[in-house]
Amino acid sequence: MDKKSPLDERAFFSYLDSDIKTYFIMKKILFLAAGLLASATMMAQSYEASLGLGALSSGSLKLEGMYHFDDNQSFNLELRTINSSIEGDSIAFDASFGGIVLSPEYITYFNSSGDDNEGVYLGTYLRFKSMASNGYQETDGSVLVDADFSQLALGIGGNVGYHGGFDNGITVRVYAGLGYNFMNNISQTDGYESILSAVYASPIHVRSGINLGYRF
């Protein structure tokens, strides 16, 4: 029977500790989102579900549910999976990145088009992100070293977008914005601080999307 090395045990407990923190933080955010959704359901005039086309093209899944309070205000909840990889003949390793992003958002429409919950809008959101790499390596000198890491982040931000709808219920939404992670925990699973993990350690994040949906 193979014996685990001290490094394997440290990696295991590092992942375990990260998973426990992720569980409790996500539990709080889900309770908050559930409360907001319950309030929204009581007041909502209409509902909308959409799919993120940009995320879908990259192999990930982004689902968004929206509740329209009145003609100029909406509540949106985004759930996005992270499922990306680095592989190919030009590099000496295959790596994958997996995780989840949860973003509740309050939207105010300028309503310049005269249509309910359409036109240019401003969104303010909270953003929870949990991500980990698997098999990632970087070159240290002339040697490839294991450089897996995980990220647990909580931030806030704003984006500007355009929301359009058709008479048949189909909707299109395009948005982009910036946010700030006031909590951003980067854990070096293999004990090596990689360049990529330093990039993710930046408190600034970008949020954008192209969504196709349906309004009920």
N, C-alpha and C. Protein backbone atom coordinates (compact mmCIF):
# COMPACT_ATOMS: atom_id res chain seq x y z
N MET A 1 0.85 -1.20 0.00
CA MET A 1 0.00 0.00 0.00
C MET A 1 0.88 1.24 0.00
N ASP A 2 0.56 2.20 -0.87
CA ASP A 2 1.33 3.44 -0.95
C ASP A 2 1.02 4.32 0.24
N LYS A 3 2.07 4.92 0.80
CA LYS A 3 1.91 5.84 1.91
C LYS A 3 1.86 7.27 1.40
N LYS A 4 0.96 8.06 1.99
CA LYS A 4 0.88 9.47 1.61
C LYS A 4 2.07 10.24 2.17
N SER A 5 2.61 11.11 1.36
CA SER A 5 3.71 11.95 1.81
C SER A 5 3.15 13.08 2.65
N PRO A 6 4.01 13.74 3.50
CA PRO A 6 3.55 14.92 4.25
C PRO A 6 2.98 15.99 3.35
N LEU A 7 3.52 16.12 2.11
CA LEU A 7 3.01 17.14 1.17
C LEU A 7 1.59 16.81 0.76
N ASP A 8 1.32 15.49 0.51
CA ASP A 8 -0.04 15.08 0.15
C ASP A 8 -1.01 15.37 1.29
N GLU A 9 -0.57 15.10 2.53
CA GLU A 9 -1.44 15.35 3.68
C GLU A 9 -1.72 16.83 3.85
N ARG A 10 -0.69 17.67 3.63
CA ARG A 10 -0.91 19.12 3.74
C ARG A 10 -1.87 19.59 2.67
N ALA A 11 -1.72 19.04 1.45
CA ALA A 11 -2.61 19.42 0.36
C ALA A 11 -4.04 19.02 0.68
N PHE A 12 -4.21 17.81 1.26
CA PHE A 12 -5.55 17.33 1.60
C PHE A 12 -6.21 18.24 2.63
N PHE A 13 -5.49 18.55 3.71
CA PHE A 13 -6.06 19.39 4.76
C PHE A 13 -6.28 20.82 4.28
N SER A 14 -5.42 21.26 3.33
CA SER A 14 -5.62 22.60 2.75
C SER A 14 -6.92 22.65 1.98
N TYR A 15 -7.18 21.59 1.17
CA TYR A 15 -8.44 21.52 0.42
C TYR A 15 -9.62 21.40 1.37
N LEU A 16 -9.46 20.58 2.43
CA LEU A 16 -10.54 20.39 3.40
C LEU A 16 -10.89 21.69 4.09
N ASP A 17 -9.86 22.44 4.53
CA ASP A 17 -10.10 23.72 5.19
C ASP A 17 -10.77 24.71 4.25
N SER A 18 -10.33 24.71 2.98
CA SER A 18 -10.93 25.60 1.99
C SER A 18 -12.39 25.24 1.75
N ASP A 19 -12.68 23.91 1.68
CA ASP A 19 -14.06 23.47 1.46
C ASP A 19 -14.96 23.86 2.61
N ILE A 20 -14.47 23.77 3.85
CA ILE A 20 -15.28 24.14 5.02
C ILE A 20 -15.60 25.63 5.00
N LYS A 21 -14.58 26.46 4.70
CA LYS A 21 -14.81 27.90 4.62
C LYS A 21 -15.80 28.21 3.51
N THR A 22 -15.62 27.54 2.37
CA THR A 22 -16.52 27.77 1.24
C THR A 22 -17.95 27.42 1.61
N TYR A 23 -18.14 26.31 2.34
CA TYR A 23 -19.48 25.86 2.72
C TYR A 23 -20.20 26.91 3.56
N PHE A 24 -19.52 27.41 4.59
CA PHE A 24 -20.17 28.35 5.50
C PHE A 24 -20.44 29.69 4.83
N ILE A 25 -19.51 30.17 4.02
CA ILE A 25 -19.72 31.45 3.34
C ILE A 25 -20.83 31.33 2.30
N MET A 26 -20.83 30.24 1.55
CA MET A 26 -21.87 30.06 0.53
C MET A 26 -23.23 29.86 1.18
N LYS A 27 -23.27 29.21 2.35
CA LYS A 27 -24.52 29.01 3.07
C LYS A 27 -25.13 30.35 3.45
N LYS A 28 -24.31 31.28 3.94
CA LYS A 28 -24.80 32.61 4.31
C LYS A 28 -25.33 33.35 3.08
N ILE A 29 -24.58 33.27 1.97
CA ILE A 29 -25.01 33.98 0.76
C ILE A 29 -26.29 33.38 0.20
N LEU A 30 -26.42 32.06 0.26
CA LEU A 30 -27.64 31.41 -0.23
C LEU A 30 -28.84 31.80 0.61
N PHE A 31 -28.66 31.91 1.94
CA PHE A 31 -29.75 32.36 2.79
C PHE A 31 -30.15 33.79 2.45
N LEU A 32 -29.14 34.65 2.22
CA LEU A 32 -29.42 36.03 1.84
C LEU A 32 -30.15 36.08 0.51
N ALA A 33 -29.66 35.30 -0.47
CA ALA A 33 -30.29 35.29 -1.78
C ALA A 33 -31.71 34.74 -1.69
N ALA A 34 -31.92 33.72 -0.85
CA ALA A 34 -33.26 33.14 -0.71
C ALA A 34 -34.23 34.17 -0.12
N GLY A 35 -33.73 34.94 0.87
CA GLY A 35 -34.57 35.98 1.45
C GLY A 35 -34.94 37.05 0.45
N LEU A 36 -33.97 37.46 -0.36
CA LEU A 36 -34.23 38.47 -1.39
C LEU A 36 -35.18 37.92 -2.45
N LEU A 37 -35.00 36.65 -2.80
CA LEU A 37 -35.89 36.05 -3.80
C LEU A 37 -37.31 35.94 -3.28
N ALA A 38 -37.45 35.60 -1.98
CA ALA A 38 -38.79 35.49 -1.40
C ALA A 38 -39.49 36.84 -1.42
N SER A 39 -38.75 37.90 -1.06
CA SER A 39 -39.33 39.24 -1.09
C SER A 39 -39.69 39.64 -2.51
N ALA A 40 -38.79 39.29 -3.45
CA ALA A 40 -39.03 39.65 -4.85
C ALA A 40 -40.26 38.93 -5.40
N THR A 41 -40.43 37.66 -5.03
CA THR A 41 -41.55 36.89 -5.53
C THR A 41 -42.89 37.49 -5.11
N MET A 42 -42.93 38.03 -3.89
CA MET A 42 -44.16 38.62 -3.38
C MET A 42 -44.54 39.89 -4.14
N MET A 43 -43.53 40.62 -4.65
CA MET A 43 -43.80 41.90 -5.29
C MET A 43 -43.67 41.87 -6.81
N ALA A 44 -43.13 40.79 -7.35
CA ALA A 44 -42.76 40.80 -8.76
C ALA A 44 -43.96 40.92 -9.68
N GLN A 45 -43.76 41.70 -10.77
CA GLN A 45 -44.76 41.82 -11.82
C GLN A 45 -44.55 40.77 -12.90
N SER A 46 -43.30 40.42 -13.16
CA SER A 46 -42.99 39.39 -14.16
C SER A 46 -41.65 38.74 -13.83
N TYR A 47 -41.39 37.62 -14.49
CA TYR A 47 -40.20 36.84 -14.24
C TYR A 47 -39.45 36.62 -15.55
N GLU A 48 -38.15 36.34 -15.40
CA GLU A 48 -37.34 36.13 -16.60
C GLU A 48 -36.21 35.16 -16.29
N ALA A 49 -35.94 34.25 -17.22
CA ALA A 49 -34.82 33.32 -17.10
C ALA A 49 -33.95 33.48 -18.33
N SER A 50 -32.63 33.43 -18.13
CA SER A 50 -31.73 33.61 -19.27
C SER A 50 -30.50 32.73 -19.14
N LEU A 51 -29.84 32.56 -20.28
CA LEU A 51 -28.65 31.73 -20.39
C LEU A 51 -27.51 32.58 -20.92
N GLY A 52 -26.33 32.49 -20.27
CA GLY A 52 -25.16 33.25 -20.69
C GLY A 52 -24.50 32.60 -21.89
N LEU A 53 -24.52 33.27 -23.04
CA LEU A 53 -23.96 32.68 -24.26
C LEU A 53 -22.44 32.67 -24.24
N GLY A 54 -21.82 33.71 -23.66
CA GLY A 54 -20.36 33.75 -23.60
C GLY A 54 -19.79 32.62 -22.77
N ALA A 55 -20.40 32.37 -21.59
CA ALA A 55 -19.94 31.27 -20.73
C ALA A 55 -20.15 29.93 -21.41
N LEU A 56 -21.27 29.78 -22.11
CA LEU A 56 -21.58 28.53 -22.79
C LEU A 56 -20.56 28.21 -23.87
N SER A 57 -20.10 29.24 -24.58
CA SER A 57 -19.12 29.05 -25.64
C SER A 57 -17.76 28.61 -25.09
N SER A 58 -17.49 28.90 -23.81
CA SER A 58 -16.22 28.51 -23.21
C SER A 58 -16.32 27.21 -22.40
N GLY A 59 -17.47 26.55 -22.49
CA GLY A 59 -17.63 25.27 -21.81
C GLY A 59 -18.19 25.37 -20.42
N SER A 60 -18.55 26.58 -19.96
CA SER A 60 -19.13 26.77 -18.65
C SER A 60 -20.64 27.00 -18.78
N LEU A 61 -21.31 27.06 -17.66
CA LEU A 61 -22.76 27.26 -17.65
C LEU A 61 -23.09 28.46 -16.77
N LYS A 62 -23.85 29.41 -17.33
CA LYS A 62 -24.28 30.57 -16.55
C LYS A 62 -25.79 30.73 -16.70
N LEU A 63 -26.50 30.59 -15.58
CA LEU A 63 -27.94 30.73 -15.54
C LEU A 63 -28.30 31.96 -14.71
N GLU A 64 -29.29 32.72 -15.17
CA GLU A 64 -29.72 33.91 -14.44
C GLU A 64 -31.24 33.94 -14.35
N GLY A 65 -31.74 34.25 -13.17
CA GLY A 65 -33.17 34.41 -12.95
C GLY A 65 -33.45 35.83 -12.51
N MET A 66 -34.47 36.46 -13.09
CA MET A 66 -34.74 37.87 -12.82
C MET A 66 -36.20 38.06 -12.41
N TYR A 67 -36.40 38.92 -11.42
CA TYR A 67 -37.73 39.30 -10.95
C TYR A 67 -37.88 40.80 -11.15
N HIS A 68 -38.94 41.20 -11.83
CA HIS A 68 -39.17 42.62 -12.10
C HIS A 68 -40.17 43.17 -11.07
N PHE A 69 -39.67 44.06 -10.17
CA PHE A 69 -40.54 44.64 -9.14
C PHE A 69 -41.60 45.54 -9.76
N ASP A 70 -41.12 46.45 -10.59
CA ASP A 70 -42.00 47.39 -11.28
C ASP A 70 -41.37 47.72 -12.63
N ASP A 71 -41.82 48.79 -13.27
CA ASP A 71 -41.34 49.10 -14.62
C ASP A 71 -39.87 49.46 -14.70
N ASN A 72 -39.27 49.89 -13.56
CA ASN A 72 -37.90 50.41 -13.59
C ASN A 72 -36.94 49.70 -12.64
N GLN A 73 -37.37 48.64 -11.95
CA GLN A 73 -36.50 47.97 -10.98
C GLN A 73 -36.62 46.46 -11.12
N SER A 74 -35.48 45.79 -11.00
CA SER A 74 -35.46 44.32 -11.09
C SER A 74 -34.41 43.76 -10.13
N PHE A 75 -34.61 42.49 -9.76
CA PHE A 75 -33.62 41.75 -8.98
C PHE A 75 -33.17 40.56 -9.81
N ASN A 76 -31.85 40.37 -9.92
CA ASN A 76 -31.29 39.31 -10.74
C ASN A 76 -30.36 38.43 -9.90
N LEU A 77 -30.40 37.13 -10.15
CA LEU A 77 -29.49 36.20 -9.48
C LEU A 77 -28.76 35.37 -10.53
N GLU A 78 -27.44 35.49 -10.51
CA GLU A 78 -26.59 34.76 -11.47
C GLU A 78 -25.90 33.59 -10.79
N LEU A 79 -25.95 32.43 -11.43
CA LEU A 79 -25.22 31.25 -10.98
C LEU A 79 -24.37 30.77 -12.16
N ARG A 80 -23.04 30.79 -11.96
CA ARG A 80 -22.14 30.43 -13.05
C ARG A 80 -21.15 29.36 -12.58
N THR A 81 -20.97 28.34 -13.39
CA THR A 81 -19.96 27.33 -13.10
C THR A 81 -18.66 27.70 -13.81
N ILE A 82 -17.54 27.35 -13.20
CA ILE A 82 -16.23 27.55 -13.82
C ILE A 82 -15.73 26.19 -14.28
N ASN A 83 -15.49 26.06 -15.57
CA ASN A 83 -15.05 24.79 -16.13
C ASN A 83 -14.14 25.07 -17.32
N SER A 84 -12.87 25.32 -17.04
CA SER A 84 -11.92 25.64 -18.10
C SER A 84 -10.67 24.78 -17.96
N SER A 85 -9.88 24.77 -19.02
CA SER A 85 -8.68 23.93 -19.01
C SER A 85 -7.58 24.56 -19.83
N ILE A 86 -6.34 24.14 -19.53
CA ILE A 86 -5.16 24.52 -20.30
C ILE A 86 -4.52 23.23 -20.78
N GLU A 87 -4.47 23.06 -22.08
CA GLU A 87 -3.87 21.84 -22.62
C GLU A 87 -3.44 22.08 -24.06
N GLY A 88 -2.62 21.20 -24.56
CA GLY A 88 -2.16 21.34 -25.94
C GLY A 88 -0.74 20.87 -26.13
N ASP A 89 -0.29 20.88 -27.38
CA ASP A 89 1.04 20.40 -27.70
C ASP A 89 2.14 21.39 -27.32
N SER A 90 1.76 22.67 -27.13
CA SER A 90 2.77 23.69 -26.88
C SER A 90 3.19 23.76 -25.41
N ILE A 91 2.47 23.05 -24.52
CA ILE A 91 2.84 23.05 -23.10
C ILE A 91 3.04 21.62 -22.63
N ALA A 92 3.74 21.47 -21.51
CA ALA A 92 4.12 20.13 -21.05
C ALA A 92 3.18 19.58 -19.99
N PHE A 93 2.02 20.19 -19.79
CA PHE A 93 1.09 19.70 -18.78
C PHE A 93 -0.34 20.05 -19.19
N ASP A 94 -1.29 19.33 -18.60
CA ASP A 94 -2.71 19.63 -18.75
C ASP A 94 -3.26 20.06 -17.40
N ALA A 95 -3.98 21.18 -17.38
CA ALA A 95 -4.53 21.70 -16.13
C ALA A 95 -5.99 22.05 -16.32
N SER A 96 -6.75 21.95 -15.24
CA SER A 96 -8.16 22.31 -15.28
C SER A 96 -8.47 23.25 -14.12
N PHE A 97 -9.53 24.04 -14.30
CA PHE A 97 -9.98 24.98 -13.28
C PHE A 97 -11.48 24.80 -13.09
N GLY A 98 -11.90 24.59 -11.86
CA GLY A 98 -13.32 24.36 -11.58
C GLY A 98 -13.78 25.18 -10.39
N GLY A 99 -15.06 25.54 -10.40
CA GLY A 99 -15.59 26.31 -9.28
C GLY A 99 -16.98 26.84 -9.57
N ILE A 100 -17.37 27.83 -8.79
CA ILE A 100 -18.72 28.39 -8.91
C ILE A 100 -18.69 29.88 -8.57
N VAL A 101 -19.58 30.64 -9.21
CA VAL A 101 -19.75 32.07 -8.95
C VAL A 101 -21.23 32.32 -8.70
N LEU A 102 -21.55 33.05 -7.64
CA LEU A 102 -22.93 33.40 -7.31
C LEU A 102 -23.01 34.91 -7.13
N SER A 103 -23.94 35.55 -7.88
CA SER A 103 -24.01 37.02 -7.86
C SER A 103 -25.46 37.51 -7.81
N PRO A 104 -25.94 37.96 -6.64
CA PRO A 104 -27.23 38.66 -6.59
C PRO A 104 -27.04 40.11 -7.02
N GLU A 105 -28.01 40.65 -7.77
CA GLU A 105 -27.84 41.98 -8.37
C GLU A 105 -29.14 42.78 -8.33
N TYR A 106 -29.03 44.05 -7.99
CA TYR A 106 -30.17 44.98 -8.03
C TYR A 106 -30.01 45.87 -9.27
N ILE A 107 -31.05 45.96 -10.08
CA ILE A 107 -30.99 46.66 -11.36
C ILE A 107 -31.98 47.82 -11.38
N THR A 108 -31.51 48.98 -11.84
CA THR A 108 -32.36 50.15 -12.05
C THR A 108 -32.29 50.54 -13.53
N TYR A 109 -33.46 50.65 -14.17
CA TYR A 109 -33.53 51.01 -15.59
C TYR A 109 -33.70 52.52 -15.75
N PHE A 110 -33.03 53.06 -16.76
CA PHE A 110 -33.26 54.45 -17.13
C PHE A 110 -34.53 54.59 -17.96
N ASN A 111 -34.98 53.45 -18.54
CA ASN A 111 -36.27 53.35 -19.23
C ASN A 111 -36.43 54.39 -20.33
N SER A 112 -35.35 54.69 -21.02
CA SER A 112 -35.40 55.69 -22.09
C SER A 112 -36.19 55.19 -23.30
N SER A 113 -36.34 53.88 -23.42
CA SER A 113 -37.06 53.33 -24.56
C SER A 113 -38.57 53.40 -24.39
N GLY A 114 -39.02 53.64 -23.15
CA GLY A 114 -40.45 53.71 -22.88
C GLY A 114 -41.08 52.36 -22.62
N ASP A 115 -40.32 51.26 -22.73
CA ASP A 115 -40.83 49.92 -22.46
C ASP A 115 -40.48 49.49 -21.04
N ASP A 116 -41.34 48.68 -20.44
CA ASP A 116 -41.11 48.24 -19.07
C ASP A 116 -39.88 47.34 -18.98
N ASN A 117 -38.99 47.66 -18.01
CA ASN A 117 -37.80 46.85 -17.73
C ASN A 117 -36.98 46.57 -18.99
N GLU A 118 -36.83 47.60 -19.78
CA GLU A 118 -36.00 47.52 -20.98
C GLU A 118 -35.18 48.80 -21.12
N GLY A 119 -34.19 48.75 -22.00
CA GLY A 119 -33.34 49.89 -22.24
C GLY A 119 -32.05 49.81 -21.44
N VAL A 120 -31.37 50.92 -21.32
CA VAL A 120 -30.10 50.99 -20.59
C VAL A 120 -30.37 50.89 -19.09
N TYR A 121 -29.50 50.16 -18.39
CA TYR A 121 -29.70 50.00 -16.94
C TYR A 121 -28.36 50.04 -16.20
N LEU A 122 -28.46 50.24 -14.90
CA LEU A 122 -27.31 50.20 -13.99
C LEU A 122 -27.56 49.10 -12.97
N GLY A 123 -26.59 48.19 -12.83
CA GLY A 123 -26.71 47.09 -11.88
C GLY A 123 -25.65 47.16 -10.79
N THR A 124 -26.06 46.90 -9.55
CA THR A 124 -25.15 46.83 -8.40
C THR A 124 -25.24 45.41 -7.85
N TYR A 125 -24.09 44.76 -7.66
CA TYR A 125 -24.13 43.34 -7.32
C TYR A 125 -23.13 42.97 -6.21
N LEU A 126 -23.41 41.85 -5.56
CA LEU A 126 -22.47 41.14 -4.71
C LEU A 126 -21.97 39.93 -5.50
N ARG A 127 -20.76 39.49 -5.21
CA ARG A 127 -20.18 38.38 -5.99
C ARG A 127 -19.39 37.45 -5.07
N PHE A 128 -19.82 36.18 -5.05
CA PHE A 128 -19.11 35.14 -4.32
C PHE A 128 -18.47 34.19 -5.33
N LYS A 129 -17.19 33.89 -5.14
CA LYS A 129 -16.48 33.02 -6.08
C LYS A 129 -15.64 32.00 -5.32
N SER A 130 -15.74 30.75 -5.73
CA SER A 130 -14.89 29.68 -5.20
C SER A 130 -14.31 28.91 -6.38
N MET A 131 -12.99 28.83 -6.47
CA MET A 131 -12.34 28.20 -7.61
C MET A 131 -11.07 27.48 -7.17
N ALA A 132 -10.72 26.41 -7.88
CA ALA A 132 -9.47 25.70 -7.59
C ALA A 132 -8.90 25.13 -8.89
N SER A 133 -7.59 25.08 -8.97
CA SER A 133 -6.92 24.49 -10.13
C SER A 133 -6.52 23.05 -9.82
N ASN A 134 -6.29 22.29 -10.89
CA ASN A 134 -5.87 20.91 -10.74
C ASN A 134 -4.88 20.57 -11.86
N GLY A 135 -3.65 20.25 -11.48
CA GLY A 135 -2.64 19.88 -12.46
C GLY A 135 -1.86 21.06 -13.02
N TYR A 136 -2.06 22.26 -12.45
CA TYR A 136 -1.36 23.43 -12.99
C TYR A 136 0.10 23.44 -12.58
N GLN A 137 0.97 23.82 -13.53
CA GLN A 137 2.41 23.90 -13.28
C GLN A 137 2.97 25.18 -13.90
N GLU A 138 4.07 25.64 -13.33
CA GLU A 138 4.80 26.77 -13.90
C GLU A 138 6.29 26.47 -13.87
N THR A 139 7.01 27.18 -14.73
CA THR A 139 8.46 26.98 -14.83
C THR A 139 9.19 27.81 -13.80
N ASP A 140 9.99 27.16 -12.98
CA ASP A 140 10.85 27.83 -12.00
C ASP A 140 12.29 27.60 -12.45
N GLY A 141 12.86 28.63 -13.09
CA GLY A 141 14.16 28.43 -13.72
C GLY A 141 13.96 27.62 -14.98
N SER A 142 14.46 26.40 -14.98
CA SER A 142 14.27 25.51 -16.14
C SER A 142 13.48 24.27 -15.76
N VAL A 143 12.86 24.29 -14.57
CA VAL A 143 12.15 23.11 -14.06
C VAL A 143 10.67 23.42 -13.89
N LEU A 144 9.82 22.49 -14.32
CA LEU A 144 8.38 22.62 -14.09
C LEU A 144 8.06 22.21 -12.66
N VAL A 145 7.33 23.05 -11.95
CA VAL A 145 6.95 22.74 -10.57
C VAL A 145 5.43 22.76 -10.45
N ASP A 146 4.90 21.95 -9.54
CA ASP A 146 3.47 21.94 -9.27
C ASP A 146 3.08 23.27 -8.64
N ALA A 147 2.01 23.88 -9.14
CA ALA A 147 1.64 25.22 -8.68
C ALA A 147 0.13 25.39 -8.56
N ASP A 148 -0.56 24.33 -8.11
CA ASP A 148 -2.00 24.43 -7.92
C ASP A 148 -2.35 25.44 -6.83
N PHE A 149 -3.51 26.08 -6.99
CA PHE A 149 -3.96 27.06 -5.99
C PHE A 149 -5.48 27.08 -5.98
N SER A 150 -6.05 27.67 -4.95
CA SER A 150 -7.49 27.85 -4.86
C SER A 150 -7.80 29.30 -4.50
N GLN A 151 -9.00 29.74 -4.84
CA GLN A 151 -9.42 31.12 -4.56
C GLN A 151 -10.80 31.10 -3.93
N LEU A 152 -10.94 31.91 -2.88
CA LEU A 152 -12.23 32.13 -2.23
C LEU A 152 -12.40 33.64 -2.09
N ALA A 153 -13.37 34.20 -2.82
CA ALA A 153 -13.48 35.66 -2.89
C ALA A 153 -14.92 36.12 -2.69
N LEU A 154 -15.04 37.29 -2.08
CA LEU A 154 -16.34 37.94 -1.89
C LEU A 154 -16.16 39.42 -2.23
N GLY A 155 -16.97 39.91 -3.18
CA GLY A 155 -16.78 41.28 -3.62
C GLY A 155 -18.08 41.97 -3.96
N ILE A 156 -17.94 43.22 -4.38
CA ILE A 156 -19.06 44.06 -4.76
C ILE A 156 -18.68 44.82 -6.02
N GLY A 157 -19.66 45.20 -6.82
CA GLY A 157 -19.33 45.92 -8.04
C GLY A 157 -20.56 46.48 -8.73
N GLY A 158 -20.32 47.06 -9.88
CA GLY A 158 -21.40 47.65 -10.66
C GLY A 158 -21.17 47.43 -12.14
N ASN A 159 -22.25 47.34 -12.90
CA ASN A 159 -22.12 47.21 -14.34
C ASN A 159 -23.24 47.98 -15.05
N VAL A 160 -22.96 48.34 -16.29
CA VAL A 160 -23.92 49.03 -17.15
C VAL A 160 -24.31 48.06 -18.25
N GLY A 161 -25.60 48.04 -18.60
CA GLY A 161 -26.03 47.11 -19.62
C GLY A 161 -27.20 47.62 -20.43
N TYR A 162 -27.55 46.83 -21.42
CA TYR A 162 -28.74 47.11 -22.22
C TYR A 162 -29.62 45.86 -22.23
N HIS A 163 -30.91 46.05 -21.97
CA HIS A 163 -31.87 44.96 -21.89
C HIS A 163 -32.97 45.19 -22.91
N GLY A 164 -33.11 44.29 -23.86
CA GLY A 164 -34.14 44.43 -24.89
C GLY A 164 -35.07 43.24 -24.90
N GLY A 165 -36.31 43.44 -25.33
CA GLY A 165 -37.29 42.36 -25.39
C GLY A 165 -38.12 42.41 -26.65
N PHE A 166 -38.65 41.23 -27.03
CA PHE A 166 -39.51 41.11 -28.20
C PHE A 166 -40.92 40.74 -27.76
N ASP A 167 -41.86 40.91 -28.65
CA ASP A 167 -43.26 40.64 -28.34
C ASP A 167 -43.52 39.17 -28.02
N ASN A 168 -42.67 38.28 -28.52
CA ASN A 168 -42.85 36.84 -28.26
C ASN A 168 -42.26 36.39 -26.94
N GLY A 169 -41.72 37.34 -26.14
CA GLY A 169 -41.18 37.01 -24.82
C GLY A 169 -39.68 36.83 -24.77
N ILE A 170 -39.03 36.69 -25.90
CA ILE A 170 -37.57 36.50 -25.93
C ILE A 170 -36.87 37.82 -25.57
N THR A 171 -35.84 37.73 -24.76
CA THR A 171 -35.08 38.91 -24.32
C THR A 171 -33.60 38.74 -24.63
N VAL A 172 -32.94 39.87 -24.78
CA VAL A 172 -31.49 39.91 -25.00
C VAL A 172 -30.91 40.93 -24.03
N ARG A 173 -29.80 40.56 -23.39
CA ARG A 173 -29.17 41.47 -22.43
C ARG A 173 -27.66 41.43 -22.62
N VAL A 174 -27.05 42.62 -22.67
CA VAL A 174 -25.60 42.75 -22.79
C VAL A 174 -25.13 43.68 -21.68
N TYR A 175 -24.08 43.28 -20.95
CA TYR A 175 -23.61 44.12 -19.83
C TYR A 175 -22.12 43.95 -19.60
N ALA A 176 -21.51 44.94 -18.95
CA ALA A 176 -20.09 44.90 -18.60
C ALA A 176 -19.85 45.83 -17.42
N GLY A 177 -18.90 45.47 -16.56
CA GLY A 177 -18.60 46.31 -15.41
C GLY A 177 -17.39 45.82 -14.65
N LEU A 178 -17.10 46.51 -13.55
CA LEU A 178 -15.96 46.20 -12.69
C LEU A 178 -16.41 46.03 -11.25
N GLY A 179 -15.63 45.26 -10.50
CA GLY A 179 -15.92 45.07 -9.10
C GLY A 179 -14.66 44.99 -8.26
N TYR A 180 -14.85 44.98 -6.94
CA TYR A 180 -13.73 44.93 -6.00
C TYR A 180 -13.96 43.80 -5.00
N ASN A 181 -12.97 42.92 -4.86
CA ASN A 181 -13.04 41.84 -3.88
C ASN A 181 -12.52 42.33 -2.53
N PHE A 182 -13.42 42.57 -1.58
CA PHE A 182 -12.96 42.99 -0.25
C PHE A 182 -12.48 41.80 0.58
N MET A 183 -12.78 40.57 0.13
CA MET A 183 -12.17 39.37 0.68
C MET A 183 -11.67 38.53 -0.50
N ASN A 184 -10.39 38.19 -0.50
CA ASN A 184 -9.82 37.43 -1.61
C ASN A 184 -8.72 36.53 -1.07
N ASN A 185 -9.09 35.32 -0.74
CA ASN A 185 -8.17 34.37 -0.12
C ASN A 185 -7.59 33.43 -1.18
N ILE A 186 -6.29 33.54 -1.42
CA ILE A 186 -5.58 32.67 -2.36
C ILE A 186 -4.74 31.68 -1.55
N SER A 187 -5.01 30.38 -1.73
CA SER A 187 -4.26 29.35 -1.03
C SER A 187 -3.37 28.59 -2.01
N GLN A 188 -2.08 28.52 -1.69
CA GLN A 188 -1.12 27.81 -2.54
C GLN A 188 -1.14 26.33 -2.16
N THR A 189 -1.89 25.54 -2.91
CA THR A 189 -2.08 24.13 -2.57
C THR A 189 -0.76 23.37 -2.54
N ASP A 190 0.13 23.67 -3.49
CA ASP A 190 1.42 22.98 -3.56
C ASP A 190 2.55 23.76 -2.91
N GLY A 191 2.23 24.88 -2.28
CA GLY A 191 3.25 25.66 -1.58
C GLY A 191 4.08 26.55 -2.48
N TYR A 192 3.72 26.64 -3.77
CA TYR A 192 4.49 27.47 -4.71
C TYR A 192 3.60 28.63 -5.17
N GLU A 193 4.11 29.86 -5.03
CA GLU A 193 3.34 31.04 -5.42
C GLU A 193 3.57 31.31 -6.91
N SER A 194 2.59 30.97 -7.71
CA SER A 194 2.73 31.09 -9.15
C SER A 194 2.36 32.49 -9.63
N ILE A 195 2.75 32.80 -10.85
CA ILE A 195 2.40 34.08 -11.46
C ILE A 195 0.89 34.18 -11.64
N LEU A 196 0.27 33.06 -12.04
CA LEU A 196 -1.18 33.06 -12.27
C LEU A 196 -1.95 33.31 -10.98
N SER A 197 -1.50 32.71 -9.88
CA SER A 197 -2.19 32.93 -8.60
C SER A 197 -2.04 34.38 -8.15
N ALA A 198 -0.91 35.01 -8.50
CA ALA A 198 -0.72 36.43 -8.17
C ALA A 198 -1.69 37.31 -8.97
N VAL A 199 -1.97 36.89 -10.20
CA VAL A 199 -2.95 37.62 -11.02
C VAL A 199 -4.32 37.55 -10.38
N TYR A 200 -4.72 36.35 -9.95
CA TYR A 200 -6.03 36.17 -9.30
C TYR A 200 -6.09 36.86 -7.94
N ALA A 201 -4.94 37.13 -7.35
CA ALA A 201 -4.90 37.81 -6.05
C ALA A 201 -5.26 39.29 -6.16
N SER A 202 -5.30 39.84 -7.37
CA SER A 202 -5.70 41.23 -7.56
C SER A 202 -7.14 41.42 -7.07
N PRO A 203 -7.42 42.49 -6.32
CA PRO A 203 -8.79 42.69 -5.80
C PRO A 203 -9.79 43.12 -6.87
N ILE A 204 -9.32 43.55 -8.03
CA ILE A 204 -10.22 44.03 -9.09
C ILE A 204 -10.66 42.86 -9.97
N HIS A 205 -11.94 42.79 -10.25
CA HIS A 205 -12.44 41.76 -11.16
C HIS A 205 -13.35 42.38 -12.22
N VAL A 206 -13.50 41.68 -13.33
CA VAL A 206 -14.34 42.12 -14.44
C VAL A 206 -15.57 41.23 -14.51
N ARG A 207 -16.71 41.86 -14.79
CA ARG A 207 -17.96 41.09 -14.94
C ARG A 207 -18.64 41.53 -16.24
N SER A 208 -18.95 40.58 -17.09
CA SER A 208 -19.59 40.90 -18.37
C SER A 208 -20.42 39.72 -18.83
N GLY A 209 -21.30 39.97 -19.80
CA GLY A 209 -22.11 38.87 -20.29
C GLY A 209 -22.98 39.26 -21.47
N ILE A 210 -23.35 38.23 -22.25
CA ILE A 210 -24.33 38.34 -23.32
C ILE A 210 -25.36 37.25 -23.05
N ASN A 211 -26.58 37.64 -22.73
CA ASN A 211 -27.59 36.68 -22.31
C ASN A 211 -28.78 36.63 -23.26
N LEU A 212 -29.27 35.44 -23.47
CA LEU A 212 -30.50 35.22 -24.22
C LEU A 212 -31.50 34.60 -23.27
N GLY A 213 -32.69 35.22 -23.16
CA GLY A 213 -33.65 34.75 -22.17
C GLY A 213 -35.08 34.78 -22.64
N TYR A 214 -35.97 34.48 -21.67
CA TYR A 214 -37.41 34.49 -21.95
C TYR A 214 -38.14 35.10 -20.75
N ARG A 215 -39.06 36.01 -21.03
CA ARG A 215 -39.82 36.69 -19.97
C ARG A 215 -41.22 36.08 -19.88
N PHE A 216 -41.61 35.71 -18.64
CA PHE A 216 -42.90 35.07 -18.42
C PHE A 216 -43.95 36.11 -17.99
